[in-house]
Amino acid sequence: MATEACMFDILALPEDDLKRVLKKASTRSLAKLVVAYPRAVGRTFLEVLTQCMSVPTIEFIRDEMGVMRTPSYPEIRQAEMELMQIIREEHLEDRLSCAPLAISLPQ
């Protein structure tokens, strides 16, 4: 069973690390997370994204958010897992603030 950080642990990454992760994530996953956590994630992600992504990409994410239905729990978890995979690929796990990591339940 793999360990996964929660969204709030990911948000607690230093801003430069968060930029590295968000730049590599799919725009649809980012839009799903912003829609799923509008107050907690939305503002932070959009602020960071405007610093590291092109204007058309930001506009695409905003358009996706405007037409997207609220993501299901499995869709949210999948988007979070995508971010965690990028965090692992970037060797940033040790910078997560969580202790201990949340356990991902089998689906």
C-alpha atoms as a PDB file:
ATOM      1  CA  MET A   1       0.000   0.000   0.000  1.00  0.00           C
ATOM      2  CA  ALA A   2       1.477   3.342  -1.043  1.00  0.00           C
ATOM      3  CA  THR A   3       1.560   6.328   1.239  1.00  0.00           C
ATOM      4  CA  GLU A   4       0.134   9.569  -0.042  1.00  0.00           C
ATOM      5  CA  ALA A   5       0.313  13.078   1.295  1.00  0.00           C
ATOM      6  CA  CYS A   6      -2.903  14.988   1.665  1.00  0.00           C
ATOM      7  CA  MET A   7      -3.599  18.098  -0.378  1.00  0.00           C
ATOM      8  CA  PHE A   8      -2.714  20.359   2.543  1.00  0.00           C
ATOM      9  CA  ASP A   9       0.740  18.750   2.793  1.00  0.00           C
ATOM     10  CA  ILE A  10       1.274  19.392  -0.909  1.00  0.00           C
ATOM     11  CA  LEU A  11       0.183  23.018  -0.474  1.00  0.00           C
ATOM     12  CA  ALA A  12       2.736  23.406   2.327  1.00  0.00           C
ATOM     13  CA  LEU A  13       5.631  22.744  -0.063  1.00  0.00           C
ATOM     14  CA  PRO A  14       7.966  25.710  -0.495  1.00  0.00           C
ATOM     15  CA  GLU A  15       6.719  27.903  -3.355  1.00  0.00           C
ATOM     16  CA  ASP A  16       9.596  27.046  -5.716  1.00  0.00           C
ATOM     17  CA  ASP A  17       8.927  23.322  -5.224  1.00  0.00           C
ATOM     18  CA  LEU A  18       5.199  23.824  -5.703  1.00  0.00           C
ATOM     19  CA  LYS A  19       5.923  25.649  -8.987  1.00  0.00           C
ATOM     20  CA  ARG A  20       8.048  22.718 -10.190  1.00  0.00           C
ATOM     21  CA  VAL A  21       5.254  20.285  -9.410  1.00  0.00           C
ATOM     22  CA  LEU A  22       2.355  22.324 -10.790  1.00  0.00           C
ATOM     23  CA  LYS A  23       4.158  23.088 -14.070  1.00  0.00           C
ATOM     24  CA  LYS A  24       4.353  19.363 -14.775  1.00  0.00           C
ATOM     25  CA  ALA A  25       0.782  18.485 -13.795  1.00  0.00           C
ATOM     26  CA  SER A  26      -1.984  18.153 -16.352  1.00  0.00           C
ATOM     27  CA  THR A  27      -4.213  21.195 -16.671  1.00  0.00           C
ATOM     28  CA  ARG A  28      -7.333  19.063 -16.190  1.00  0.00           C
ATOM     29  CA  SER A  29      -6.012  17.650 -12.914  1.00  0.00           C
ATOM     30  CA  LEU A  30      -5.192  21.143 -11.697  1.00  0.00           C
ATOM     31  CA  ALA A  31      -8.669  22.348 -12.654  1.00  0.00           C
ATOM     32  CA  LYS A  32     -10.249  19.385 -10.819  1.00  0.00           C
ATOM     33  CA  LEU A  33      -8.328  20.183  -7.640  1.00  0.00           C
ATOM     34  CA  VAL A  34      -9.211  23.878  -7.800  1.00  0.00           C
ATOM     35  CA  VAL A  35     -12.899  23.007  -8.274  1.00  0.00           C
ATOM     36  CA  ALA A  36     -12.775  20.360  -5.536  1.00  0.00           C
ATOM     37  CA  TYR A  37     -11.034  22.618  -3.004  1.00  0.00           C
ATOM     38  CA  PRO A  38     -11.947  26.156  -4.113  1.00  0.00           C
ATOM     39  CA  ARG A  39     -10.964  27.957  -0.927  1.00  0.00           C
ATOM     40  CA  ALA A  40      -8.036  25.816   0.167  1.00  0.00           C
ATOM     41  CA  VAL A  41      -6.384  25.101  -3.181  1.00  0.00           C
ATOM     42  CA  GLY A  42      -7.890  27.462  -5.707  1.00  0.00           C
ATOM     43  CA  ARG A  43      -6.309  30.716  -4.686  1.00  0.00           C
ATOM     44  CA  THR A  44      -2.883  29.223  -3.925  1.00  0.00           C
ATOM     45  CA  PHE A  45      -2.699  27.200  -7.132  1.00  0.00           C
ATOM     46  CA  LEU A  46      -3.865  30.057  -9.324  1.00  0.00           C
ATOM     47  CA  GLU A  47      -1.395  32.483  -7.728  1.00  0.00           C
ATOM     48  CA  VAL A  48       1.494  30.062  -8.237  1.00  0.00           C
ATOM     49  CA  LEU A  49       0.367  29.083 -11.729  1.00  0.00           C
ATOM     50  CA  THR A  50       0.229  32.695 -12.922  1.00  0.00           C
ATOM     51  CA  GLN A  51       3.933  32.944 -12.042  1.00  0.00           C
ATOM     52  CA  CYS A  52       5.045  29.826 -13.916  1.00  0.00           C
ATOM     53  CA  MET A  53       2.579  29.178 -16.768  1.00  0.00           C
ATOM     54  CA  SER A  54       1.578  31.007 -19.902  1.00  0.00           C
ATOM     55  CA  VAL A  55      -1.506  33.201 -20.078  1.00  0.00           C
ATOM     56  CA  PRO A  56      -3.261  30.816 -22.519  1.00  0.00           C
ATOM     57  CA  THR A  57      -2.681  27.904 -20.132  1.00  0.00           C
ATOM     58  CA  ILE A  58      -4.148  29.867 -17.217  1.00  0.00           C
ATOM     59  CA  GLU A  59      -7.121  30.829 -19.393  1.00  0.00           C
ATOM     60  CA  PHE A  60      -7.618  27.163 -20.337  1.00  0.00           C
ATOM     61  CA  ILE A  61      -7.617  26.146 -16.664  1.00  0.00           C
ATOM     62  CA  ARG A  62     -10.137  28.882 -15.846  1.00  0.00           C
ATOM     63  CA  ASP A  63     -12.336  27.781 -18.765  1.00  0.00           C
ATOM     64  CA  GLU A  64     -12.158  24.158 -17.579  1.00  0.00           C
ATOM     65  CA  MET A  65     -13.142  25.262 -14.067  1.00  0.00           C
ATOM     66  CA  GLY A  66     -16.108  27.164 -15.464  1.00  0.00           C
ATOM     67  CA  VAL A  67     -17.638  24.175 -17.222  1.00  0.00           C
ATOM     68  CA  MET A  68     -16.479  21.368 -14.959  1.00  0.00           C
ATOM     69  CA  ARG A  69     -18.891  19.589 -12.677  1.00  0.00           C
ATOM     70  CA  THR A  70     -17.702  18.914  -9.138  1.00  0.00           C
ATOM     71  CA  PRO A  71     -15.205  16.054  -9.432  1.00  0.00           C
ATOM     72  CA  SER A  72     -15.987  12.724  -7.787  1.00  0.00           C
ATOM     73  CA  TYR A  73     -13.861  11.455  -4.921  1.00  0.00           C
ATOM     74  CA  PRO A  74     -11.949   9.016  -7.216  1.00  0.00           C
ATOM     75  CA  GLU A  75     -11.259  11.869  -9.660  1.00  0.00           C
ATOM     76  CA  ILE A  76      -9.949  14.051  -6.835  1.00  0.00           C
ATOM     77  CA  ARG A  77      -7.740  11.247  -5.518  1.00  0.00           C
ATOM     78  CA  GLN A  78      -6.427  10.589  -9.039  1.00  0.00           C
ATOM     79  CA  ALA A  79      -5.483  14.266  -9.428  1.00  0.00           C
ATOM     80  CA  GLU A  80      -3.795  14.236  -6.008  1.00  0.00           C
ATOM     81  CA  MET A  81      -1.926  11.041  -6.933  1.00  0.00           C
ATOM     82  CA  GLU A  82      -0.712  12.721 -10.121  1.00  0.00           C
ATOM     83  CA  LEU A  83       0.804  15.508  -8.014  1.00  0.00           C
ATOM     84  CA  MET A  84       2.361  12.968  -5.655  1.00  0.00           C
ATOM     85  CA  GLN A  85       3.910  11.104  -8.587  1.00  0.00           C
ATOM     86  CA  ILE A  86       5.491  14.349  -9.773  1.00  0.00           C
ATOM     87  CA  ILE A  87       6.703  15.058  -6.232  1.00  0.00           C
ATOM     88  CA  ARG A  88       8.382  11.629  -6.196  1.00  0.00           C
ATOM     89  CA  GLU A  89       9.902  12.159  -9.647  1.00  0.00           C
ATOM     90  CA  GLU A  90      11.289  15.514  -8.495  1.00  0.00           C
ATOM     91  CA  HIS A  91      12.602  13.909  -5.267  1.00  0.00           C
ATOM     92  CA  LEU A  92      10.639  16.326  -3.082  1.00  0.00           C
ATOM     93  CA  GLU A  93       9.002  13.829  -0.691  1.00  0.00           C
ATOM     94  CA  ASP A  94      11.274  14.870   2.155  1.00  0.00           C
ATOM     95  CA  ARG A  95       9.936  18.430   1.880  1.00  0.00           C
ATOM     96  CA  LEU A  96       6.360  17.432   2.622  1.00  0.00           C
ATOM     97  CA  SER A  97       5.312  18.650   6.038  1.00  0.00           C
ATOM     98  CA  CYS A  98       3.202  15.620   6.899  1.00  0.00           C
ATOM     99  CA  ALA A  99       4.069  13.192   9.624  1.00  0.00           C
ATOM    100  CA  PRO A 100       2.910  10.522   9.192  1.00  0.00           C
ATOM    101  CA  LEU A 101       1.650  10.394   5.620  1.00  0.00           C
ATOM    102  CA  ALA A 102      -2.011   9.596   5.037  1.00  0.00           C
ATOM    103  CA  ILE A 103      -2.669   6.096   3.721  1.00  0.00           C
ATOM    104  CA  SER A 104      -4.438   5.728   0.386  1.00  0.00           C
ATOM    105  CA  LEU A 105      -7.295   3.227   0.692  1.00  0.00           C
ATOM    106  CA  PRO A 106      -7.729   0.592  -2.026  1.00  0.00           C
ATOM    107  CA  GLN A 107     -10.524   1.395  -4.449  1.00  0.00           C
END
